[in-house]
Amino acid sequence: MRTLHATTVEMGLLTAASIALLIVGLPAGVWVDRVHRRGVMIAADLGRMLAPGLVGRDHLLEGNAKLTGSA
């Protein structure tokens, strides 16, 4: 088991974020089912293309290694 080394407040924020994900994710799923899938897939691909730019270069190698190791 891994330890996050997080304070009580930080754990509370993580829990709140997961609940918010459900509140946003469920209606988003319903919305995606009602629109053209091609447009959604193009938007998702563009997001995946731009996402690495949000990660600092010093953390990119470590992040890719963790992703590869977790699969």
N, C-alpha and C. Protein backbone atom coordinates (compact mmCIF):
# COMPACT_ATOMS: atom_id res chain seq x y z
N MET A 1 0.84 -1.18 0.00
CA MET A 1 0.00 0.00 0.00
C MET A 1 0.89 1.24 0.00
N ARG A 2 0.52 2.21 -0.78
CA ARG A 2 1.30 3.44 -0.86
C ARG A 2 0.71 4.50 0.06
N THR A 3 1.57 5.33 0.57
CA THR A 3 1.16 6.41 1.44
C THR A 3 1.27 7.72 0.69
N LEU A 4 0.27 8.56 0.81
CA LEU A 4 0.27 9.83 0.12
C LEU A 4 1.05 10.92 0.85
N HIS A 5 1.33 10.72 2.13
CA HIS A 5 1.97 11.74 2.97
C HIS A 5 1.16 13.03 2.90
N ALA A 6 -0.15 12.91 2.98
CA ALA A 6 -1.04 14.07 2.88
C ALA A 6 -1.63 14.38 4.26
N THR A 7 -1.92 15.66 4.46
CA THR A 7 -2.56 16.07 5.70
C THR A 7 -4.04 15.76 5.63
N THR A 8 -4.71 15.96 6.73
CA THR A 8 -6.14 15.72 6.79
C THR A 8 -6.89 16.63 5.82
N VAL A 9 -6.47 17.87 5.73
CA VAL A 9 -7.11 18.83 4.82
C VAL A 9 -6.91 18.39 3.37
N GLU A 10 -5.70 17.97 3.05
CA GLU A 10 -5.43 17.53 1.68
C GLU A 10 -6.24 16.29 1.32
N MET A 11 -6.41 15.38 2.25
CA MET A 11 -7.24 14.20 1.99
C MET A 11 -8.70 14.60 1.80
N GLY A 12 -9.15 15.58 2.57
CA GLY A 12 -10.51 16.08 2.39
C GLY A 12 -10.71 16.70 1.01
N LEU A 13 -9.70 17.43 0.54
CA LEU A 13 -9.79 18.01 -0.79
C LEU A 13 -9.80 16.94 -1.87
N LEU A 14 -9.01 15.89 -1.69
CA LEU A 14 -9.03 14.78 -2.65
C LEU A 14 -10.40 14.10 -2.69
N THR A 15 -10.99 13.91 -1.53
CA THR A 15 -12.32 13.30 -1.47
C THR A 15 -13.36 14.21 -2.13
N ALA A 16 -13.28 15.50 -1.87
CA ALA A 16 -14.21 16.44 -2.49
C ALA A 16 -14.04 16.45 -4.01
N ALA A 17 -12.81 16.35 -4.48
CA ALA A 17 -12.57 16.33 -5.92
C ALA A 17 -13.16 15.08 -6.56
N SER A 18 -13.10 13.95 -5.88
CA SER A 18 -13.67 12.72 -6.45
C SER A 18 -15.19 12.79 -6.49
N ILE A 19 -15.79 13.41 -5.51
CA ILE A 19 -17.25 13.58 -5.53
C ILE A 19 -17.65 14.55 -6.64
N ALA A 20 -16.88 15.62 -6.81
CA ALA A 20 -17.15 16.58 -7.88
C ALA A 20 -17.02 15.91 -9.25
N LEU A 21 -16.08 14.99 -9.36
CA LEU A 21 -15.91 14.27 -10.62
C LEU A 21 -17.18 13.48 -10.96
N LEU A 22 -17.79 12.87 -9.97
CA LEU A 22 -19.04 12.16 -10.21
C LEU A 22 -20.17 13.10 -10.60
N ILE A 23 -20.23 14.24 -9.93
CA ILE A 23 -21.30 15.20 -10.22
C ILE A 23 -21.15 15.77 -11.62
N VAL A 24 -19.93 15.98 -12.07
CA VAL A 24 -19.69 16.51 -13.41
C VAL A 24 -19.68 15.39 -14.44
N GLY A 25 -19.09 14.26 -14.08
CA GLY A 25 -18.90 13.16 -15.03
C GLY A 25 -20.18 12.51 -15.50
N LEU A 26 -21.13 12.31 -14.61
CA LEU A 26 -22.37 11.66 -15.01
C LEU A 26 -23.17 12.47 -16.02
N PRO A 27 -23.42 13.76 -15.76
CA PRO A 27 -24.12 14.55 -16.79
C PRO A 27 -23.32 14.68 -18.08
N ALA A 28 -21.99 14.74 -17.97
CA ALA A 28 -21.16 14.83 -19.18
C ALA A 28 -21.31 13.57 -20.01
N GLY A 29 -21.39 12.42 -19.36
CA GLY A 29 -21.59 11.16 -20.08
C GLY A 29 -22.91 11.13 -20.82
N VAL A 30 -23.95 11.63 -20.18
CA VAL A 30 -25.27 11.69 -20.82
C VAL A 30 -25.21 12.64 -22.02
N TRP A 31 -24.55 13.78 -21.85
CA TRP A 31 -24.43 14.75 -22.94
C TRP A 31 -23.66 14.16 -24.12
N VAL A 32 -22.56 13.46 -23.83
CA VAL A 32 -21.75 12.88 -24.90
C VAL A 32 -22.54 11.83 -25.67
N ASP A 33 -23.40 11.10 -25.00
CA ASP A 33 -24.22 10.09 -25.68
C ASP A 33 -25.23 10.71 -26.64
N ARG A 34 -25.53 11.99 -26.47
CA ARG A 34 -26.56 12.64 -27.29
C ARG A 34 -25.99 13.48 -28.43
N VAL A 35 -24.68 13.64 -28.51
CA VAL A 35 -24.08 14.44 -29.58
C VAL A 35 -23.35 13.52 -30.55
N HIS A 36 -22.89 14.10 -31.66
CA HIS A 36 -22.18 13.32 -32.66
C HIS A 36 -20.86 12.81 -32.10
N ARG A 37 -20.64 11.52 -32.22
CA ARG A 37 -19.45 10.91 -31.63
C ARG A 37 -18.17 11.37 -32.32
N ARG A 38 -18.24 11.65 -33.60
CA ARG A 38 -17.03 12.07 -34.33
C ARG A 38 -16.46 13.35 -33.74
N GLY A 39 -17.31 14.31 -33.45
CA GLY A 39 -16.86 15.57 -32.86
C GLY A 39 -16.26 15.37 -31.48
N VAL A 40 -16.87 14.49 -30.70
CA VAL A 40 -16.36 14.21 -29.36
C VAL A 40 -14.99 13.54 -29.45
N MET A 41 -14.83 12.61 -30.38
CA MET A 41 -13.55 11.94 -30.54
C MET A 41 -12.46 12.89 -31.01
N ILE A 42 -12.81 13.82 -31.90
CA ILE A 42 -11.83 14.80 -32.36
C ILE A 42 -11.41 15.70 -31.20
N ALA A 43 -12.37 16.15 -30.40
CA ALA A 43 -12.06 16.99 -29.25
C ALA A 43 -11.19 16.24 -28.24
N ALA A 44 -11.50 14.95 -28.02
CA ALA A 44 -10.71 14.15 -27.09
C ALA A 44 -9.28 13.97 -27.60
N ASP A 45 -9.13 13.74 -28.90
CA ASP A 45 -7.80 13.59 -29.48
C ASP A 45 -7.00 14.90 -29.38
N LEU A 46 -7.67 16.03 -29.61
CA LEU A 46 -6.98 17.31 -29.46
C LEU A 46 -6.55 17.54 -28.01
N GLY A 47 -7.41 17.16 -27.07
CA GLY A 47 -7.05 17.28 -25.66
C GLY A 47 -5.86 16.41 -25.29
N ARG A 48 -5.85 15.18 -25.83
CA ARG A 48 -4.72 14.30 -25.56
C ARG A 48 -3.44 14.83 -26.20
N MET A 49 -3.57 15.51 -27.32
CA MET A 49 -2.40 16.07 -27.98
C MET A 49 -1.83 17.24 -27.17
N LEU A 50 -2.70 18.05 -26.58
CA LEU A 50 -2.26 19.23 -25.85
C LEU A 50 -1.88 18.94 -24.40
N ALA A 51 -2.33 17.83 -23.84
CA ALA A 51 -2.11 17.52 -22.43
C ALA A 51 -0.63 17.46 -22.04
N PRO A 52 0.24 16.86 -22.83
CA PRO A 52 1.66 16.84 -22.42
C PRO A 52 2.26 18.24 -22.27
N GLY A 53 1.72 19.21 -22.95
CA GLY A 53 2.22 20.57 -22.82
C GLY A 53 1.92 21.18 -21.46
N LEU A 54 0.96 20.62 -20.73
CA LEU A 54 0.62 21.11 -19.40
C LEU A 54 1.57 20.59 -18.33
N VAL A 55 2.31 19.55 -18.65
CA VAL A 55 3.23 18.94 -17.69
C VAL A 55 4.60 19.58 -17.89
N GLY A 56 5.26 20.00 -16.78
CA GLY A 56 6.61 20.56 -16.89
C GLY A 56 7.57 19.55 -17.46
N ARG A 57 8.54 20.01 -18.27
CA ARG A 57 9.50 19.13 -18.93
C ARG A 57 10.29 18.31 -17.92
N ASP A 58 10.56 18.87 -16.75
CA ASP A 58 11.32 18.13 -15.75
C ASP A 58 10.54 16.96 -15.17
N HIS A 59 9.22 16.96 -15.28
CA HIS A 59 8.39 15.87 -14.77
C HIS A 59 7.90 14.93 -15.86
N LEU A 60 8.13 15.27 -17.12
CA LEU A 60 7.59 14.49 -18.24
C LEU A 60 8.17 13.09 -18.30
N LEU A 61 9.46 12.95 -18.14
CA LEU A 61 10.10 11.64 -18.20
C LEU A 61 9.60 10.75 -17.06
N GLU A 62 9.53 11.31 -15.86
CA GLU A 62 9.05 10.55 -14.71
C GLU A 62 7.59 10.14 -14.90
N GLY A 63 6.77 11.04 -15.40
CA GLY A 63 5.36 10.74 -15.63
C GLY A 63 5.16 9.64 -16.65
N ASN A 64 5.89 9.71 -17.75
CA ASN A 64 5.79 8.66 -18.76
C ASN A 64 6.25 7.32 -18.22
N ALA A 65 7.30 7.32 -17.42
CA ALA A 65 7.78 6.07 -16.83
C ALA A 65 6.73 5.47 -15.90
N LYS A 66 6.06 6.30 -15.13
CA LYS A 66 5.03 5.81 -14.23
C LYS A 66 3.83 5.27 -15.00
N LEU A 67 3.45 5.95 -16.09
CA LEU A 67 2.34 5.47 -16.91
C LEU A 67 2.66 4.12 -17.54
N THR A 68 3.87 3.99 -18.04
CA THR A 68 4.28 2.74 -18.68
C THR A 68 4.36 1.61 -17.66
N GLY A 69 4.82 1.91 -16.49
CA GLY A 69 4.95 0.90 -15.46
C GLY A 69 3.63 0.47 -14.85
N SER A 70 2.60 1.30 -14.95
CA SER A 70 1.32 0.96 -14.33
C SER A 70 0.42 0.14 -15.24
N ALA A 71 0.74 0.03 -16.51
CA ALA A 71 -0.12 -0.70 -17.45
C ALA A 71 0.07 -2.18 -17.40
